[in-house]
Amino acid sequence: FLAGAAVYIVPMRIGGGVRLKLLEALALAAPVVSTRMGAEGVAGLHDGTHCLLADQPADFAAAVLRLLDDSALGARLGAAGRALVREQYDWNAIVPRMEALYNRT
């Protein structure tokens, strides 16, 4: 279902932990609109490059409409989001960092 989404929204106002649903959407190259809280802690994520960030309801709605109206922008954000997940969160990226951490201790 996520892979076919025209826009994936993360309207979080409060919360904690790893943003797995955001990472899943990015991994599937779905264009994302999120609040800053919803994107907090995602390494390397940048507004306008990997997703659109908006905290105010009117701005959030405008960002969703922008992606619905501009499929090329959605495709660019989706591709960049997928690339980010592969670079930062793929096992091929995680394992060397974990090994380096274990070797330091």
PDB file of N, CA and C in Angstrom:
ATOM      1  N   PHE A   1       0.806  -1.199   0.000  1.00  0.00           N
ATOM      2  CA  PHE A   1       0.000   0.000   0.000  1.00  0.00           C
ATOM      3  C   PHE A   1       0.854   1.271   0.000  1.00  0.00           C
ATOM      4  N   LEU A   2       1.915   1.254   0.782  1.00  0.00           N
ATOM      5  CA  LEU A   2       2.759   2.446   0.857  1.00  0.00           C
ATOM      6  C   LEU A   2       3.414   2.767  -0.471  1.00  0.00           C
ATOM      7  N   ALA A   3       3.847   1.740  -1.182  1.00  0.00           N
ATOM      8  CA  ALA A   3       4.575   1.958  -2.437  1.00  0.00           C
ATOM      9  C   ALA A   3       3.725   2.705  -3.463  1.00  0.00           C
ATOM     10  N   GLY A   4       2.434   2.571  -3.389  1.00  0.00           N
ATOM     11  CA  GLY A   4       1.566   3.236  -4.352  1.00  0.00           C
ATOM     12  C   GLY A   4       1.036   4.582  -3.887  1.00  0.00           C
ATOM     13  N   ALA A   5       1.482   5.039  -2.718  1.00  0.00           N
ATOM     14  CA  ALA A   5       0.963   6.287  -2.156  1.00  0.00           C
ATOM     15  C   ALA A   5       1.426   7.498  -2.960  1.00  0.00           C
ATOM     16  N   ALA A   6       0.498   8.402  -3.237  1.00  0.00           N
ATOM     17  CA  ALA A   6       0.858   9.657  -3.904  1.00  0.00           C
ATOM     18  C   ALA A   6       1.607  10.559  -2.936  1.00  0.00           C
ATOM     19  N   VAL A   7       1.230  10.505  -1.666  1.00  0.00           N
ATOM     20  CA  VAL A   7       1.889  11.267  -0.600  1.00  0.00           C
ATOM     21  C   VAL A   7       1.747  10.467   0.689  1.00  0.00           C
ATOM     22  N   TYR A   8       2.816  10.402   1.451  1.00  0.00           N
ATOM     23  CA  TYR A   8       2.787   9.762   2.760  1.00  0.00           C
ATOM     24  C   TYR A   8       2.938  10.866   3.794  1.00  0.00           C
ATOM     25  N   ILE A   9       2.032  10.913   4.766  1.00  0.00           N
ATOM     26  CA  ILE A   9       2.080  12.001   5.740  1.00  0.00           C
ATOM     27  C   ILE A   9       2.471  11.491   7.125  1.00  0.00           C
ATOM     28  N   VAL A  10       3.245  12.324   7.829  1.00  0.00           N
ATOM     29  CA  VAL A  10       3.668  12.033   9.200  1.00  0.00           C
ATOM     30  C   VAL A  10       3.357  13.287  10.027  1.00  0.00           C
ATOM     31  N   PRO A  11       2.098  13.422  10.491  1.00  0.00           N
ATOM     32  CA  PRO A  11       1.696  14.639  11.192  1.00  0.00           C
ATOM     33  C   PRO A  11       1.944  14.600  12.706  1.00  0.00           C
ATOM     34  N   MET A  12       3.058  14.022  13.141  1.00  0.00           N
ATOM     35  CA  MET A  12       3.354  13.882  14.573  1.00  0.00           C
ATOM     36  C   MET A  12       3.523  15.233  15.252  1.00  0.00           C
ATOM     37  N   ARG A  13       2.911  15.368  16.413  1.00  0.00           N
ATOM     38  CA  ARG A  13       3.077  16.565  17.239  1.00  0.00           C
ATOM     39  C   ARG A  13       3.874  16.233  18.496  1.00  0.00           C
ATOM     40  N   ILE A  14       3.725  15.004  19.002  1.00  0.00           N
ATOM     41  CA  ILE A  14       4.480  14.529  20.157  1.00  0.00           C
ATOM     42  C   ILE A  14       4.870  13.090  19.893  1.00  0.00           C
ATOM     43  N   GLY A  15       5.894  12.624  20.565  1.00  0.00           N
ATOM     44  CA  GLY A  15       6.291  11.238  20.406  1.00  0.00           C
ATOM     45  C   GLY A  15       7.770  11.062  20.634  1.00  0.00           C
ATOM     46  N   GLY A  16       8.200   9.838  20.499  1.00  0.00           N
ATOM     47  CA  GLY A  16       9.607   9.523  20.698  1.00  0.00           C
ATOM     48  C   GLY A  16       9.960   8.240  19.988  1.00  0.00           C
ATOM     49  N   GLY A  17      11.214   7.898  20.060  1.00  0.00           N
ATOM     50  CA  GLY A  17      11.679   6.663  19.454  1.00  0.00           C
ATOM     51  C   GLY A  17      12.072   6.836  18.003  1.00  0.00           C
ATOM     52  N   VAL A  18      12.398   5.722  17.396  1.00  0.00           N
ATOM     53  CA  VAL A  18      12.826   5.704  16.000  1.00  0.00           C
ATOM     54  C   VAL A  18      11.608   5.892  15.105  1.00  0.00           C
ATOM     55  N   ARG A  19      11.744   6.679  14.094  1.00  0.00           N
ATOM     56  CA  ARG A  19      10.640   6.989  13.180  1.00  0.00           C
ATOM     57  C   ARG A  19      10.550   5.925  12.082  1.00  0.00           C
ATOM     58  N   LEU A  20      10.172   4.709  12.479  1.00  0.00           N
ATOM     59  CA  LEU A  20      10.157   3.593  11.535  1.00  0.00           C
ATOM     60  C   LEU A  20       9.193   3.810  10.381  1.00  0.00           C
ATOM     61  N   LYS A  21       8.015   4.362  10.647  1.00  0.00           N
ATOM     62  CA  LYS A  21       7.064   4.537   9.543  1.00  0.00           C
ATOM     63  C   LYS A  21       7.598   5.526   8.517  1.00  0.00           C
ATOM     64  N   LEU A  22       8.316   6.539   8.974  1.00  0.00           N
ATOM     65  CA  LEU A  22       8.932   7.485   8.043  1.00  0.00           C
ATOM     66  C   LEU A  22      10.016   6.790   7.228  1.00  0.00           C
ATOM     67  N   LEU A  23      10.862   6.016   7.884  1.00  0.00           N
ATOM     68  CA  LEU A  23      11.921   5.289   7.172  1.00  0.00           C
ATOM     69  C   LEU A  23      11.338   4.296   6.173  1.00  0.00           C
ATOM     70  N   GLU A  24      10.255   3.618   6.541  1.00  0.00           N
ATOM     71  CA  GLU A  24       9.604   2.685   5.614  1.00  0.00           C
ATOM     72  C   GLU A  24       9.089   3.416   4.377  1.00  0.00           C
ATOM     73  N   ALA A  25       8.451   4.554   4.578  1.00  0.00           N
ATOM     74  CA  ALA A  25       7.941   5.326   3.440  1.00  0.00           C
ATOM     75  C   ALA A  25       9.081   5.801   2.552  1.00  0.00           C
ATOM     76  N   LEU A  26      10.156   6.306   3.157  1.00  0.00           N
ATOM     77  CA  LEU A  26      11.311   6.749   2.377  1.00  0.00           C
ATOM     78  C   LEU A  26      11.921   5.584   1.603  1.00  0.00           C
ATOM     79  N   ALA A  27      12.035   4.428   2.247  1.00  0.00           N
ATOM     80  CA  ALA A  27      12.620   3.253   1.591  1.00  0.00           C
ATOM     81  C   ALA A  27      11.818   2.838   0.366  1.00  0.00           C
ATOM     82  N   LEU A  28      10.524   3.090   0.389  1.00  0.00           N
ATOM     83  CA  LEU A  28       9.662   2.743  -0.744  1.00  0.00           C
ATOM     84  C   LEU A  28       9.570   3.864  -1.772  1.00  0.00           C
ATOM     85  N   ALA A  29      10.361   4.917  -1.578  1.00  0.00           N
ATOM     86  CA  ALA A  29      10.395   6.068  -2.486  1.00  0.00           C
ATOM     87  C   ALA A  29       9.065   6.814  -2.533  1.00  0.00           C
ATOM     88  N   ALA A  30       8.310   6.745  -1.430  1.00  0.00           N
ATOM     89  CA  ALA A  30       7.061   7.503  -1.351  1.00  0.00           C
ATOM     90  C   ALA A  30       7.384   8.954  -0.991  1.00  0.00           C
ATOM     91  N   PRO A  31       6.787   9.928  -1.660  1.00  0.00           N
ATOM     92  CA  PRO A  31       6.997  11.321  -1.274  1.00  0.00           C
ATOM     93  C   PRO A  31       6.376  11.575   0.099  1.00  0.00           C
ATOM     94  N   VAL A  32       7.110  12.248   0.969  1.00  0.00           N
ATOM     95  CA  VAL A  32       6.711  12.406   2.369  1.00  0.00           C
ATOM     96  C   VAL A  32       6.531  13.874   2.735  1.00  0.00           C
ATOM     97  N   VAL A  33       5.459  14.136   3.485  1.00  0.00           N
ATOM     98  CA  VAL A  33       5.277  15.404   4.183  1.00  0.00           C
ATOM     99  C   VAL A  33       5.232  15.059   5.664  1.00  0.00           C
ATOM    100  N   SER A  34       6.076  15.723   6.445  1.00  0.00           N
ATOM    101  CA  SER A  34       6.175  15.430   7.871  1.00  0.00           C
ATOM    102  C   SER A  34       6.309  16.716   8.669  1.00  0.00           C
ATOM    103  N   THR A  35       5.944  16.624   9.935  1.00  0.00           N
ATOM    104  CA  THR A  35       6.310  17.686  10.864  1.00  0.00           C
ATOM    105  C   THR A  35       7.783  17.484  11.217  1.00  0.00           C
ATOM    106  N   ARG A  36       8.394  18.494  11.791  1.00  0.00           N
ATOM    107  CA  ARG A  36       9.783  18.350  12.226  1.00  0.00           C
ATOM    108  C   ARG A  36       9.896  17.285  13.313  1.00  0.00           C
ATOM    109  N   MET A  37       8.901  17.204  14.193  1.00  0.00           N
ATOM    110  CA  MET A  37       8.889  16.165  15.225  1.00  0.00           C
ATOM    111  C   MET A  37       8.839  14.782  14.584  1.00  0.00           C
ATOM    112  N   GLY A  38       8.062  14.644  13.529  1.00  0.00           N
ATOM    113  CA  GLY A  38       7.941  13.361  12.848  1.00  0.00           C
ATOM    114  C   GLY A  38       9.210  12.919  12.158  1.00  0.00           C
ATOM    115  N   ALA A  39      10.084  13.867  11.842  1.00  0.00           N
ATOM    116  CA  ALA A  39      11.338  13.558  11.148  1.00  0.00           C
ATOM    117  C   ALA A  39      12.545  13.617  12.082  1.00  0.00           C
ATOM    118  N   GLU A  40      12.299  13.952  13.338  1.00  0.00           N
ATOM    119  CA  GLU A  40      13.387  14.114  14.301  1.00  0.00           C
ATOM    120  C   GLU A  40      14.205  12.830  14.444  1.00  0.00           C
ATOM    121  N   GLY A  41      15.513  12.980  14.406  1.00  0.00           N
ATOM    122  CA  GLY A  41      16.404  11.847  14.617  1.00  0.00           C
ATOM    123  C   GLY A  41      16.739  11.049  13.378  1.00  0.00           C
ATOM    124  N   VAL A  42      16.178  11.399  12.238  1.00  0.00           N
ATOM    125  CA  VAL A  42      16.497  10.683  10.999  1.00  0.00           C
ATOM    126  C   VAL A  42      17.744  11.333  10.404  1.00  0.00           C
ATOM    127  N   ALA A  43      18.849  10.615  10.474  1.00  0.00           N
ATOM    128  CA  ALA A  43      20.151  11.148  10.060  1.00  0.00           C
ATOM    129  C   ALA A  43      20.151  11.563   8.594  1.00  0.00           C
ATOM    130  N   GLY A  44      20.600  12.777   8.344  1.00  0.00           N
ATOM    131  CA  GLY A  44      20.791  13.248   6.979  1.00  0.00           C
ATOM    132  C   GLY A  44      19.554  13.736   6.261  1.00  0.00           C
ATOM    133  N   LEU A  45      18.393  13.698   6.898  1.00  0.00           N
ATOM    134  CA  LEU A  45      17.142  14.103   6.254  1.00  0.00           C
ATOM    135  C   LEU A  45      17.067  15.625   6.149  1.00  0.00           C
ATOM    136  N   HIS A  46      16.784  16.119   4.937  1.00  0.00           N
ATOM    137  CA  HIS A  46      16.718  17.567   4.714  1.00  0.00           C
ATOM    138  C   HIS A  46      15.413  17.950   4.025  1.00  0.00           C
ATOM    139  N   ASP A  47      14.811  19.004   4.552  1.00  0.00           N
ATOM    140  CA  ASP A  47      13.592  19.563   3.978  1.00  0.00           C
ATOM    141  C   ASP A  47      13.852  20.023   2.548  1.00  0.00           C
ATOM    142  N   GLY A  48      12.987  19.611   1.637  1.00  0.00           N
ATOM    143  CA  GLY A  48      13.111  20.014   0.243  1.00  0.00           C
ATOM    144  C   GLY A  48      14.036  19.138  -0.571  1.00  0.00           C
ATOM    145  N   THR A  49      14.782  18.271   0.101  1.00  0.00           N
ATOM    146  CA  THR A  49      15.664  17.331  -0.599  1.00  0.00           C
ATOM    147  C   THR A  49      15.108  15.917  -0.532  1.00  0.00           C
ATOM    148  N   HIS A  50      14.724  15.491   0.669  1.00  0.00           N
ATOM    149  CA  HIS A  50      14.226  14.129   0.875  1.00  0.00           C
ATOM    150  C   HIS A  50      12.737  14.094   1.198  1.00  0.00           C
ATOM    151  N   CYS A  51      12.204  15.202   1.656  1.00  0.00           N
ATOM    152  CA  CYS A  51      10.801  15.291   2.056  1.00  0.00           C
ATOM    153  C   CYS A  51      10.432  16.766   2.159  1.00  0.00           C
ATOM    154  N   LEU A  52       9.188  17.030   2.488  1.00  0.00           N
ATOM    155  CA  LEU A  52       8.758  18.392   2.803  1.00  0.00           C
ATOM    156  C   LEU A  52       8.379  18.419   4.276  1.00  0.00           C
ATOM    157  N   LEU A  53       8.892  19.408   5.010  1.00  0.00           N
ATOM    158  CA  LEU A  53       8.603  19.548   6.429  1.00  0.00           C
ATOM    159  C   LEU A  53       7.715  20.761   6.655  1.00  0.00           C
ATOM    160  N   ALA A  54       6.706  20.583   7.488  1.00  0.00           N
ATOM    161  CA  ALA A  54       5.790  21.677   7.816  1.00  0.00           C
ATOM    162  C   ALA A  54       5.177  21.403   9.179  1.00  0.00           C
ATOM    163  N   ASP A  55       5.166  22.399  10.032  1.00  0.00           N
ATOM    164  CA  ASP A  55       4.633  22.226  11.383  1.00  0.00           C
ATOM    165  C   ASP A  55       3.249  22.834  11.584  1.00  0.00           C
ATOM    166  N   GLN A  56       2.936  23.871  10.865  1.00  0.00           N
ATOM    167  CA  GLN A  56       1.632  24.520  11.005  1.00  0.00           C
ATOM    168  C   GLN A  56       0.614  23.830  10.092  1.00  0.00           C
ATOM    169  N   PRO A  57      -0.623  23.664  10.563  1.00  0.00           N
ATOM    170  CA  PRO A  57      -1.626  22.956   9.760  1.00  0.00           C
ATOM    171  C   PRO A  57      -1.781  23.484   8.333  1.00  0.00           C
ATOM    172  N   ALA A  58      -1.822  24.792   8.156  1.00  0.00           N
ATOM    173  CA  ALA A  58      -1.987  25.349   6.803  1.00  0.00           C
ATOM    174  C   ALA A  58      -0.776  25.037   5.932  1.00  0.00           C
ATOM    175  N   ASP A  59       0.416  25.111   6.506  1.00  0.00           N
ATOM    176  CA  ASP A  59       1.639  24.795   5.763  1.00  0.00           C
ATOM    177  C   ASP A  59       1.699  23.312   5.417  1.00  0.00           C
ATOM    178  N   PHE A  60       1.258  22.481   6.362  1.00  0.00           N
ATOM    179  CA  PHE A  60       1.248  21.036   6.140  1.00  0.00           C
ATOM    180  C   PHE A  60       0.309  20.695   4.984  1.00  0.00           C
ATOM    181  N   ALA A  61      -0.895  21.251   5.026  1.00  0.00           N
ATOM    182  CA  ALA A  61      -1.870  21.012   3.954  1.00  0.00           C
ATOM    183  C   ALA A  61      -1.340  21.515   2.616  1.00  0.00           C
ATOM    184  N   ALA A  62      -0.694  22.671   2.615  1.00  0.00           N
ATOM    185  CA  ALA A  62      -0.136  23.217   1.373  1.00  0.00           C
ATOM    186  C   ALA A  62       0.953  22.308   0.814  1.00  0.00           C
ATOM    187  N   ALA A  63       1.762  21.724   1.689  1.00  0.00           N
ATOM    188  CA  ALA A  63       2.816  20.811   1.233  1.00  0.00           C
ATOM    189  C   ALA A  63       2.217  19.549   0.621  1.00  0.00           C
ATOM    190  N   VAL A  64       1.158  19.032   1.242  1.00  0.00           N
ATOM    191  CA  VAL A  64       0.482  17.850   0.684  1.00  0.00           C
ATOM    192  C   VAL A  64      -0.082  18.181  -0.696  1.00  0.00           C
ATOM    193  N   LEU A  65      -0.766  19.300  -0.812  1.00  0.00           N
ATOM    194  CA  LEU A  65      -1.334  19.703  -2.104  1.00  0.00           C
ATOM    195  C   LEU A  65      -0.243  19.930  -3.144  1.00  0.00           C
ATOM    196  N   ARG A  66       0.871  20.486  -2.713  1.00  0.00           N
ATOM    197  CA  ARG A  66       1.993  20.708  -3.641  1.00  0.00           C
ATOM    198  C   ARG A  66       2.459  19.386  -4.245  1.00  0.00           C
ATOM    199  N   LEU A  67       2.585  18.360  -3.412  1.00  0.00           N
ATOM    200  CA  LEU A  67       3.016  17.056  -3.932  1.00  0.00           C
ATOM    201  C   LEU A  67       1.943  16.408  -4.801  1.00  0.00           C
ATOM    202  N   LEU A  68       0.689  16.593  -4.447  1.00  0.00           N
ATOM    203  CA  LEU A  68      -0.380  16.042  -5.280  1.00  0.00           C
ATOM    204  C   LEU A  68      -0.419  16.714  -6.648  1.00  0.00           C
ATOM    205  N   ASP A  69      -0.051  17.989  -6.697  1.00  0.00           N
ATOM    206  CA  ASP A  69      -0.057  18.740  -7.955  1.00  0.00           C
ATOM    207  C   ASP A  69       1.226  18.599  -8.763  1.00  0.00           C
ATOM    208  N   ASP A  70       2.315  18.208  -8.118  1.00  0.00           N
ATOM    209  CA  ASP A  70       3.624  18.165  -8.786  1.00  0.00           C
ATOM    210  C   ASP A  70       4.240  16.777  -8.637  1.00  0.00           C
ATOM    211  N   SER A  71       3.849  15.877  -9.522  1.00  0.00           N
ATOM    212  CA  SER A  71       4.345  14.498  -9.430  1.00  0.00           C
ATOM    213  C   SER A  71       5.848  14.408  -9.671  1.00  0.00           C
ATOM    214  N   ALA A  72       6.405  15.335 -10.443  1.00  0.00           N
ATOM    215  CA  ALA A  72       7.857  15.327 -10.670  1.00  0.00           C
ATOM    216  C   ALA A  72       8.601  15.629  -9.370  1.00  0.00           C
ATOM    217  N   LEU A  73       8.100  16.581  -8.596  1.00  0.00           N
ATOM    218  CA  LEU A  73       8.702  16.876  -7.292  1.00  0.00           C
ATOM    219  C   LEU A  73       8.589  15.657  -6.384  1.00  0.00           C
ATOM    220  N   GLY A  74       7.429  15.033  -6.378  1.00  0.00           N
ATOM    221  CA  GLY A  74       7.247  13.827  -5.573  1.00  0.00           C
ATOM    222  C   GLY A  74       8.215  12.729  -5.962  1.00  0.00           C
ATOM    223  N   ALA A  75       8.433  12.560  -7.255  1.00  0.00           N
ATOM    224  CA  ALA A  75       9.375  11.537  -7.727  1.00  0.00           C
ATOM    225  C   ALA A  75      10.800  11.867  -7.294  1.00  0.00           C
ATOM    226  N   ARG A  76      11.183  13.143  -7.379  1.00  0.00           N
ATOM    227  CA  ARG A  76      12.539  13.547  -6.948  1.00  0.00           C
ATOM    228  C   ARG A  76      12.732  13.331  -5.451  1.00  0.00           C
ATOM    229  N   LEU A  77      11.763  13.773  -4.659  1.00  0.00           N
ATOM    230  CA  LEU A  77      11.860  13.582  -3.214  1.00  0.00           C
ATOM    231  C   LEU A  77      11.872  12.098  -2.867  1.00  0.00           C
ATOM    232  N   GLY A  78      11.021  11.333  -3.535  1.00  0.00           N
ATOM    233  CA  GLY A  78      10.971   9.895  -3.278  1.00  0.00           C
ATOM    234  C   GLY A  78      12.284   9.204  -3.586  1.00  0.00           C
ATOM    235  N   ALA A  79      12.880   9.534  -4.718  1.00  0.00           N
ATOM    236  CA  ALA A  79      14.163   8.926  -5.094  1.00  0.00           C
ATOM    237  C   ALA A  79      15.264   9.328  -4.118  1.00  0.00           C
ATOM    238  N   ALA A  80      15.273  10.591  -3.718  1.00  0.00           N
ATOM    239  CA  ALA A  80      16.286  11.057  -2.766  1.00  0.00           C
ATOM    240  C   ALA A  80      16.080  10.422  -1.393  1.00  0.00           C
ATOM    241  N   GLY A  81      14.837  10.265  -0.986  1.00  0.00           N
ATOM    242  CA  GLY A  81      14.541   9.613   0.288  1.00  0.00           C
ATOM    243  C   GLY A  81      14.980   8.166   0.300  1.00  0.00           C
ATOM    244  N   ARG A  82      14.716   7.466  -0.791  1.00  0.00           N
ATOM    245  CA  ARG A  82      15.142   6.065  -0.895  1.00  0.00           C
ATOM    246  C   ARG A  82      16.664   5.971  -0.849  1.00  0.00           C
ATOM    247  N   ALA A  83      17.347   6.861  -1.559  1.00  0.00           N
ATOM    248  CA  ALA A  83      18.812   6.857  -1.554  1.00  0.00           C
ATOM    249  C   ALA A  83      19.346   7.124  -0.146  1.00  0.00           C
ATOM    250  N   LEU A  84      18.718   8.041   0.573  1.00  0.00           N
ATOM    251  CA  LEU A  84      19.136   8.333   1.943  1.00  0.00           C
ATOM    252  C   LEU A  84      19.018   7.098   2.832  1.00  0.00           C
ATOM    253  N   VAL A  85      17.905   6.400   2.731  1.00  0.00           N
ATOM    254  CA  VAL A  85      17.712   5.196   3.546  1.00  0.00           C
ATOM    255  C   VAL A  85      18.761   4.149   3.201  1.00  0.00           C
ATOM    256  N   ARG A  86      19.057   3.980   1.932  1.00  0.00           N
ATOM    257  CA  ARG A  86      20.089   3.007   1.540  1.00  0.00           C
ATOM    258  C   ARG A  86      21.457   3.408   2.080  1.00  0.00           C
ATOM    259  N   GLU A  87      21.764   4.708   2.042  1.00  0.00           N
ATOM    260  CA  GLU A  87      23.076   5.185   2.505  1.00  0.00           C
ATOM    261  C   GLU A  87      23.224   5.110   4.021  1.00  0.00           C
ATOM    262  N   GLN A  88      22.145   5.372   4.754  1.00  0.00           N
ATOM    263  CA  GLN A  88      22.232   5.481   6.211  1.00  0.00           C
ATOM    264  C   GLN A  88      21.702   4.272   6.979  1.00  0.00           C
ATOM    265  N   TYR A  89      20.709   3.561   6.421  1.00  0.00           N
ATOM    266  CA  TYR A  89      19.985   2.565   7.207  1.00  0.00           C
ATOM    267  C   TYR A  89      19.998   1.155   6.631  1.00  0.00           C
ATOM    268  N   ASP A  90      20.573   0.956   5.472  1.00  0.00           N
ATOM    269  CA  ASP A  90      20.722  -0.380   4.898  1.00  0.00           C
ATOM    270  C   ASP A  90      21.731  -1.163   5.747  1.00  0.00           C
ATOM    271  N   TRP A  91      21.583  -2.476   5.808  1.00  0.00           N
ATOM    272  CA  TRP A  91      22.529  -3.290   6.586  1.00  0.00           C
ATOM    273  C   TRP A  91      23.964  -3.075   6.126  1.00  0.00           C
ATOM    274  N   ASN A  92      24.166  -2.856   4.837  1.00  0.00           N
ATOM    275  CA  ASN A  92      25.525  -2.626   4.330  1.00  0.00           C
ATOM    276  C   ASN A  92      26.130  -1.338   4.880  1.00  0.00           C
ATOM    277  N   ALA A  93      25.304  -0.419   5.312  1.00  0.00           N
ATOM    278  CA  ALA A  93      25.784   0.817   5.932  1.00  0.00           C
ATOM    279  C   ALA A  93      25.879   0.679   7.453  1.00  0.00           C
ATOM    280  N   ILE A  94      24.946  -0.052   8.032  1.00  0.00           N
ATOM    281  CA  ILE A  94      24.891  -0.170   9.492  1.00  0.00           C
ATOM    282  C   ILE A  94      25.984  -1.074  10.043  1.00  0.00           C
ATOM    283  N   VAL A  95      26.205  -2.219   9.411  1.00  0.00           N
ATOM    284  CA  VAL A  95      27.151  -3.204   9.952  1.00  0.00           C
ATOM    285  C   VAL A  95      28.555  -2.630  10.132  1.00  0.00           C
ATOM    286  N   PRO A  96      29.148  -1.948   9.150  1.00  0.00           N
ATOM    287  CA  PRO A  96      30.486  -1.395   9.388  1.00  0.00           C
ATOM    288  C   PRO A  96      30.531  -0.403  10.557  1.00  0.00           C
ATOM    289  N   ARG A  97      29.482   0.388  10.726  1.00  0.00           N
ATOM    290  CA  ARG A  97      29.449   1.322  11.856  1.00  0.00           C
ATOM    291  C   ARG A  97      29.362   0.575  13.179  1.00  0.00           C
ATOM    292  N   MET A  98      28.567  -0.488  13.213  1.00  0.00           N
ATOM    293  CA  MET A  98      28.459  -1.287  14.435  1.00  0.00           C
ATOM    294  C   MET A  98      29.777  -1.992  14.741  1.00  0.00           C
ATOM    295  N   GLU A  99      30.418  -2.542  13.718  1.00  0.00           N
ATOM    296  CA  GLU A  99      31.707  -3.203  13.924  1.00  0.00           C
ATOM    297  C   GLU A  99      32.742  -2.221  14.467  1.00  0.00           C
ATOM    298  N   ALA A 100      32.767  -1.017  13.926  1.00  0.00           N
ATOM    299  CA  ALA A 100      33.708  -0.002  14.405  1.00  0.00           C
ATOM    300  C   ALA A 100      33.425   0.345  15.865  1.00  0.00           C
ATOM    301  N   LEU A 101      32.163   0.427  16.223  1.00  0.00           N
ATOM    302  CA  LEU A 101      31.792   0.715  17.602  1.00  0.00           C
ATOM    303  C   LEU A 101      32.236  -0.409  18.529  1.00  0.00           C
ATOM    304  N   TYR A 102      31.978  -1.648  18.127  1.00  0.00           N
ATOM    305  CA  TYR A 102      32.384  -2.794  18.952  1.00  0.00           C
ATOM    306  C   TYR A 102      33.898  -2.865  19.088  1.00  0.00           C
ATOM    307  N   ASN A 103      34.612  -2.548  18.036  1.00  0.00           N
ATOM    308  CA  ASN A 103      36.075  -2.615  18.071  1.00  0.00           C
ATOM    309  C   ASN A 103      36.681  -1.535  18.964  1.00  0.00           C
ATOM    310  N   ARG A 104      35.953  -0.443  19.185  1.00  0.00           N
ATOM    311  CA  ARG A 104      36.453   0.622  20.064  1.00  0.00           C
ATOM    312  C   ARG A 104      36.287   0.281  21.533  1.00  0.00           C
ATOM    313  N   THR A 105      35.385  -0.636  21.838  1.00  0.00           N
ATOM    314  CA  THR A 105      35.123  -0.939  23.254  1.00  0.00           C
ATOM    315  C   THR A 105      35.883  -2.134  23.747  1.00  0.00           C
TER     316      THR A 105
END
